[in-house]
PDB file of N, CA and C in Angstrom:
ATOM      1  N   MET A   1      18.325 -17.345  -0.721  1.00  0.00           N
ATOM      2  CA  MET A   1      18.480 -17.901   0.602  1.00  0.00           C
ATOM      3  C   MET A   1      18.284 -16.813   1.663  1.00  0.00           C
ATOM      4  N   LYS A   2      18.682 -15.590   1.301  1.00  0.00           N
ATOM      5  CA  LYS A   2      18.516 -14.487   2.238  1.00  0.00           C
ATOM      6  C   LYS A   2      17.031 -14.235   2.513  1.00  0.00           C
ATOM      7  N   LEU A   3      16.217 -14.376   1.474  1.00  0.00           N
ATOM      8  CA  LEU A   3      14.777 -14.193   1.634  1.00  0.00           C
ATOM      9  C   LEU A   3      14.199 -15.227   2.592  1.00  0.00           C
ATOM     10  N   PHE A   4      14.703 -16.458   2.490  1.00  0.00           N
ATOM     11  CA  PHE A   4      14.243 -17.521   3.384  1.00  0.00           C
ATOM     12  C   PHE A   4      14.504 -17.155   4.842  1.00  0.00           C
ATOM     13  N   TYR A   5      15.714 -16.665   5.112  1.00  0.00           N
ATOM     14  CA  TYR A   5      16.052 -16.293   6.488  1.00  0.00           C
ATOM     15  C   TYR A   5      15.226 -15.098   6.964  1.00  0.00           C
ATOM     16  N   MET A   6      14.941 -14.184   6.055  1.00  0.00           N
ATOM     17  CA  MET A   6      14.112 -13.039   6.432  1.00  0.00           C
ATOM     18  C   MET A   6      12.699 -13.487   6.786  1.00  0.00           C
ATOM     19  N   VAL A   7      12.143 -14.388   5.981  1.00  0.00           N
ATOM     20  CA  VAL A   7      10.787 -14.886   6.239  1.00  0.00           C
ATOM     21  C   VAL A   7      10.749 -15.671   7.537  1.00  0.00           C
ATOM     22  N   MET A   8      11.750 -16.517   7.747  1.00  0.00           N
ATOM     23  CA  MET A   8      11.789 -17.310   8.979  1.00  0.00           C
ATOM     24  C   MET A   8      11.957 -16.413  10.207  1.00  0.00           C
ATOM     25  N   GLY A   9      12.757 -15.374  10.090  1.00  0.00           N
ATOM     26  CA  GLY A   9      12.916 -14.431  11.194  1.00  0.00           C
ATOM     27  C   GLY A   9      11.621 -13.700  11.492  1.00  0.00           C
ATOM     28  N   PHE A  10      10.911 -13.322  10.445  1.00  0.00           N
ATOM     29  CA  PHE A  10       9.627 -12.651  10.629  1.00  0.00           C
ATOM     30  C   PHE A  10       8.627 -13.568  11.320  1.00  0.00           C
ATOM     31  N   MET A  11       8.578 -14.825  10.866  1.00  0.00           N
ATOM     32  CA  MET A  11       7.640 -15.771  11.470  1.00  0.00           C
ATOM     33  C   MET A  11       8.016 -16.074  12.918  1.00  0.00           C
ATOM     34  N   ALA A  12       9.315 -16.147  13.210  1.00  0.00           N
ATOM     35  CA  ALA A  12       9.748 -16.381  14.589  1.00  0.00           C
ATOM     36  C   ALA A  12       9.377 -15.193  15.466  1.00  0.00           C
ATOM     37  N   GLY A  13       9.374 -14.005  14.897  1.00  0.00           N
ATOM     38  CA  GLY A  13       8.966 -12.826  15.654  1.00  0.00           C
ATOM     39  C   GLY A  13       7.479 -12.812  15.942  1.00  0.00           C
ATOM     40  N   LEU A  14       6.692 -13.468  15.101  1.00  0.00           N
ATOM     41  CA  LEU A  14       5.245 -13.513  15.308  1.00  0.00           C
ATOM     42  C   LEU A  14       4.820 -14.548  16.342  1.00  0.00           C
ATOM     43  N   LEU A  15       5.669 -15.527  16.622  1.00  0.00           N
ATOM     44  CA  LEU A  15       5.299 -16.580  17.569  1.00  0.00           C
ATOM     45  C   LEU A  15       4.927 -16.038  18.948  1.00  0.00           C
ATOM     46  N   PRO A  16       5.721 -15.142  19.539  1.00  0.00           N
ATOM     47  CA  PRO A  16       5.307 -14.627  20.857  1.00  0.00           C
ATOM     48  C   PRO A  16       3.977 -13.880  20.811  1.00  0.00           C
ATOM     49  N   LEU A  17       3.711 -13.202  19.708  1.00  0.00           N
ATOM     50  CA  LEU A  17       2.447 -12.472  19.599  1.00  0.00           C
ATOM     51  C   LEU A  17       1.263 -13.424  19.579  1.00  0.00           C
ATOM     52  N   SER A  18       1.389 -14.519  18.837  1.00  0.00           N
ATOM     53  CA  SER A  18       0.286 -15.472  18.784  1.00  0.00           C
ATOM     54  C   SER A  18       0.107 -16.168  20.126  1.00  0.00           C
ATOM     55  N   ALA A  19       1.207 -16.408  20.836  1.00  0.00           N
ATOM     56  CA  ALA A  19       1.103 -17.028  22.158  1.00  0.00           C
ATOM     57  C   ALA A  19       0.401 -16.085  23.132  1.00  0.00           C
ATOM     58  N   MET A  20       0.721 -14.798  23.068  1.00  0.00           N
ATOM     59  CA  MET A  20       0.066 -13.830  23.957  1.00  0.00           C
ATOM     60  C   MET A  20      -1.420 -13.723  23.629  1.00  0.00           C
ATOM     61  N   ALA A  21      -1.761 -13.790  22.352  1.00  0.00           N
ATOM     62  CA  ALA A  21      -3.166 -13.710  21.965  1.00  0.00           C
ATOM     63  C   ALA A  21      -3.931 -14.933  22.451  1.00  0.00           C
ATOM     64  N   ALA A  22      -3.296 -16.092  22.415  1.00  0.00           N
ATOM     65  CA  ALA A  22      -3.964 -17.316  22.864  1.00  0.00           C
ATOM     66  C   ALA A  22      -4.173 -17.303  24.370  1.00  0.00           C
ATOM     67  N   VAL A  23      -3.225 -16.748  25.113  1.00  0.00           N
ATOM     68  CA  VAL A  23      -3.329 -16.719  26.570  1.00  0.00           C
ATOM     69  C   VAL A  23      -4.377 -15.708  27.020  1.00  0.00           C
ATOM     70  N   SER A  24      -4.402 -14.549  26.376  1.00  0.00           N
ATOM     71  CA  SER A  24      -5.307 -13.492  26.829  1.00  0.00           C
ATOM     72  C   SER A  24      -6.764 -13.802  26.507  1.00  0.00           C
ATOM     73  N   GLY A  25      -7.025 -14.645  25.533  1.00  0.00           N
ATOM     74  CA  GLY A  25      -8.405 -14.949  25.157  1.00  0.00           C
ATOM     75  C   GLY A  25      -8.945 -13.883  24.220  1.00  0.00           C
ATOM     76  N   TYR A  26      -9.861 -14.284  23.417  1.00  0.00           N
ATOM     77  CA  TYR A  26     -10.423 -13.359  22.432  1.00  0.00           C
ATOM     78  C   TYR A  26     -11.689 -12.735  22.987  1.00  0.00           C
ATOM     79  N   GLN A  27     -11.746 -11.415  22.952  1.00  0.00           N
ATOM     80  CA  GLN A  27     -12.951 -10.695  23.365  1.00  0.00           C
ATOM     81  C   GLN A  27     -13.524 -10.013  22.131  1.00  0.00           C
ATOM     82  N   ARG A  28     -14.735 -10.383  21.809  1.00  0.00           N
ATOM     83  CA  ARG A  28     -15.384  -9.818  20.636  1.00  0.00           C
ATOM     84  C   ARG A  28     -15.635  -8.336  20.823  1.00  0.00           C
ATOM     85  N   PRO A  29     -15.340  -7.519  19.814  1.00  0.00           N
ATOM     86  CA  PRO A  29     -15.626  -6.092  19.935  1.00  0.00           C
ATOM     87  C   PRO A  29     -17.131  -5.829  19.920  1.00  0.00           C
ATOM     88  N   VAL A  30     -17.536  -4.838  20.658  1.00  0.00           N
ATOM     89  CA  VAL A  30     -18.950  -4.472  20.715  1.00  0.00           C
ATOM     90  C   VAL A  30     -19.231  -3.519  19.554  1.00  0.00           C
ATOM     91  N   PRO A  31     -20.181  -3.838  18.680  1.00  0.00           N
ATOM     92  CA  PRO A  31     -20.461  -2.947  17.556  1.00  0.00           C
ATOM     93  C   PRO A  31     -21.081  -1.634  18.033  1.00  0.00           C
ATOM     94  N   GLN A  32     -20.653  -0.568  17.400  1.00  0.00           N
ATOM     95  CA  GLN A  32     -21.162   0.754  17.744  1.00  0.00           C
ATOM     96  C   GLN A  32     -22.354   1.081  16.846  1.00  0.00           C
ATOM     97  N   PRO A  33     -23.335   1.804  17.358  1.00  0.00           N
ATOM     98  CA  PRO A  33     -24.476   2.185  16.515  1.00  0.00           C
ATOM     99  C   PRO A  33     -24.057   3.224  15.470  1.00  0.00           C
ATOM    100  N   GLN A  34     -24.773   3.233  14.360  1.00  0.00           N
ATOM    101  CA  GLN A  34     -24.498   4.206  13.314  1.00  0.00           C
ATOM    102  C   GLN A  34     -24.964   5.583  13.765  1.00  0.00           C
ATOM    103  N   SER A  35     -24.166   6.578  13.479  1.00  0.00           N
ATOM    104  CA  SER A  35     -24.577   7.943  13.785  1.00  0.00           C
ATOM    105  C   SER A  35     -25.358   8.498  12.592  1.00  0.00           C
ATOM    106  N   ALA A  36     -26.071   9.564  12.831  1.00  0.00           N
ATOM    107  CA  ALA A  36     -26.847  10.192  11.756  1.00  0.00           C
ATOM    108  C   ALA A  36     -25.916  10.741  10.679  1.00  0.00           C
ATOM    109  N   THR A  37     -24.756  11.231  11.081  1.00  0.00           N
ATOM    110  CA  THR A  37     -23.794  11.757  10.112  1.00  0.00           C
ATOM    111  C   THR A  37     -23.280  10.647   9.206  1.00  0.00           C
ATOM    112  N   ALA A  38     -22.992   9.491   9.792  1.00  0.00           N
ATOM    113  CA  ALA A  38     -22.512   8.362   8.987  1.00  0.00           C
ATOM    114  C   ALA A  38     -23.579   7.913   7.997  1.00  0.00           C
ATOM    115  N   GLU A  39     -24.821   7.890   8.431  1.00  0.00           N
ATOM    116  CA  GLU A  39     -25.903   7.497   7.528  1.00  0.00           C
ATOM    117  C   GLU A  39     -26.087   8.514   6.407  1.00  0.00           C
ATOM    118  N   LEU A  40     -25.915   9.790   6.720  1.00  0.00           N
ATOM    119  CA  LEU A  40     -26.015  10.832   5.701  1.00  0.00           C
ATOM    120  C   LEU A  40     -24.931  10.655   4.642  1.00  0.00           C
ATOM    121  N   TRP A  41     -23.689  10.464   5.071  1.00  0.00           N
ATOM    122  CA  TRP A  41     -22.592  10.294   4.122  1.00  0.00           C
ATOM    123  C   TRP A  41     -22.754   9.014   3.311  1.00  0.00           C
ATOM    124  N   PHE A  42     -23.243   7.948   3.937  1.00  0.00           N
ATOM    125  CA  PHE A  42     -23.470   6.700   3.209  1.00  0.00           C
ATOM    126  C   PHE A  42     -24.544   6.897   2.141  1.00  0.00           C
ATOM    127  N   GLY A  43     -25.619   7.593   2.488  1.00  0.00           N
ATOM    128  CA  GLY A  43     -26.675   7.869   1.517  1.00  0.00           C
ATOM    129  C   GLY A  43     -26.180   8.727   0.369  1.00  0.00           C
ATOM    130  N   LEU A  44     -25.385   9.748   0.699  1.00  0.00           N
ATOM    131  CA  LEU A  44     -24.831  10.614  -0.339  1.00  0.00           C
ATOM    132  C   LEU A  44     -23.901   9.827  -1.263  1.00  0.00           C
ATOM    133  N   ALA A  45     -23.072   8.974  -0.696  1.00  0.00           N
ATOM    134  CA  ALA A  45     -22.165   8.159  -1.511  1.00  0.00           C
ATOM    135  C   ALA A  45     -22.941   7.194  -2.397  1.00  0.00           C
ATOM    136  N   THR A  46     -24.032   6.653  -1.878  1.00  0.00           N
ATOM    137  CA  THR A  46     -24.856   5.741  -2.670  1.00  0.00           C
ATOM    138  C   THR A  46     -25.477   6.459  -3.862  1.00  0.00           C
ATOM    139  N   VAL A  47     -26.010   7.645  -3.625  1.00  0.00           N
ATOM    140  CA  VAL A  47     -26.611   8.426  -4.716  1.00  0.00           C
ATOM    141  C   VAL A  47     -25.554   8.782  -5.754  1.00  0.00           C
ATOM    142  N   MET A  48     -24.378   9.199  -5.306  1.00  0.00           N
ATOM    143  CA  MET A  48     -23.313   9.561  -6.239  1.00  0.00           C
ATOM    144  C   MET A  48     -22.843   8.349  -7.049  1.00  0.00           C
ATOM    145  N   LEU A  49     -22.818   7.180  -6.436  1.00  0.00           N
ATOM    146  CA  LEU A  49     -22.438   5.965  -7.161  1.00  0.00           C
ATOM    147  C   LEU A  49     -23.448   5.657  -8.261  1.00  0.00           C
ATOM    148  N   VAL A  50     -24.728   5.751  -7.940  1.00  0.00           N
ATOM    149  CA  VAL A  50     -25.765   5.478  -8.936  1.00  0.00           C
ATOM    150  C   VAL A  50     -25.696   6.503 -10.065  1.00  0.00           C
ATOM    151  N   VAL A  51     -25.488   7.767  -9.727  1.00  0.00           N
ATOM    152  CA  VAL A  51     -25.387   8.814 -10.751  1.00  0.00           C
ATOM    153  C   VAL A  51     -24.178   8.568 -11.646  1.00  0.00           C
ATOM    154  N   SER A  52     -23.049   8.221 -11.055  1.00  0.00           N
ATOM    155  CA  SER A  52     -21.855   7.983 -11.867  1.00  0.00           C
ATOM    156  C   SER A  52     -22.025   6.757 -12.759  1.00  0.00           C
ATOM    157  N   LEU A  53     -22.696   5.724 -12.270  1.00  0.00           N
ATOM    158  CA  LEU A  53     -22.957   4.556 -13.113  1.00  0.00           C
ATOM    159  C   LEU A  53     -23.870   4.916 -14.280  1.00  0.00           C
ATOM    160  N   TYR A  54     -24.847   5.783 -14.042  1.00  0.00           N
ATOM    161  CA  TYR A  54     -25.730   6.220 -15.122  1.00  0.00           C
ATOM    162  C   TYR A  54     -24.949   7.034 -16.157  1.00  0.00           C
ATOM    163  N   ILE A  55     -24.046   7.879 -15.691  1.00  0.00           N
ATOM    164  CA  ILE A  55     -23.234   8.671 -16.623  1.00  0.00           C
ATOM    165  C   ILE A  55     -22.357   7.760 -17.473  1.00  0.00           C
ATOM    166  N   VAL A  56     -21.760   6.762 -16.864  1.00  0.00           N
ATOM    167  CA  VAL A  56     -20.955   5.803 -17.628  1.00  0.00           C
ATOM    168  C   VAL A  56     -21.832   5.073 -18.634  1.00  0.00           C
ATOM    169  N   HIS A  57     -23.033   4.716 -18.229  1.00  0.00           N
ATOM    170  CA  HIS A  57     -23.966   4.046 -19.144  1.00  0.00           C
ATOM    171  C   HIS A  57     -24.251   4.924 -20.356  1.00  0.00           C
ATOM    172  N   ARG A  58     -24.503   6.201 -20.121  1.00  0.00           N
ATOM    173  CA  ARG A  58     -24.802   7.121 -21.226  1.00  0.00           C
ATOM    174  C   ARG A  58     -23.605   7.284 -22.153  1.00  0.00           C
ATOM    175  N   VAL A  59     -22.407   7.379 -21.581  1.00  0.00           N
ATOM    176  CA  VAL A  59     -21.204   7.560 -22.399  1.00  0.00           C
ATOM    177  C   VAL A  59     -20.946   6.323 -23.249  1.00  0.00           C
ATOM    178  N   VAL A  60     -21.062   5.155 -22.659  1.00  0.00           N
ATOM    179  CA  VAL A  60     -20.800   3.919 -23.397  1.00  0.00           C
ATOM    180  C   VAL A  60     -21.885   3.675 -24.440  1.00  0.00           C
ATOM    181  N   LYS A  61     -23.135   4.001 -24.115  1.00  0.00           N
ATOM    182  CA  LYS A  61     -24.244   3.808 -25.048  1.00  0.00           C
ATOM    183  C   LYS A  61     -24.092   4.718 -26.265  1.00  0.00           C
ATOM    184  N   GLY A  62     -23.528   5.891 -26.092  1.00  0.00           N
ATOM    185  CA  GLY A  62     -23.383   6.846 -27.187  1.00  0.00           C
ATOM    186  C   GLY A  62     -22.331   6.468 -28.204  1.00  0.00           C
ATOM    187  N   ARG A  63     -21.467   5.540 -27.894  1.00  0.00           N
ATOM    188  CA  ARG A  63     -20.402   5.162 -28.837  1.00  0.00           C
ATOM    189  C   ARG A  63     -20.888   4.235 -29.899  1.00  0.00           C
TER     190      ARG A  63
END
């Protein structure tokens, strides 16, 4: 029963937040362009993922 009261208290605390969000209106965030550094790290992570998958393939194939 204590859990019920805790959940209800939490939900009652969220009501003012949802009311404020409804009144203020939703403004969509503007997407930021990718930087060259972000693209470099994404490319590096992609290569490392493919290499690690190949290593797992070799290990599993050898058994």
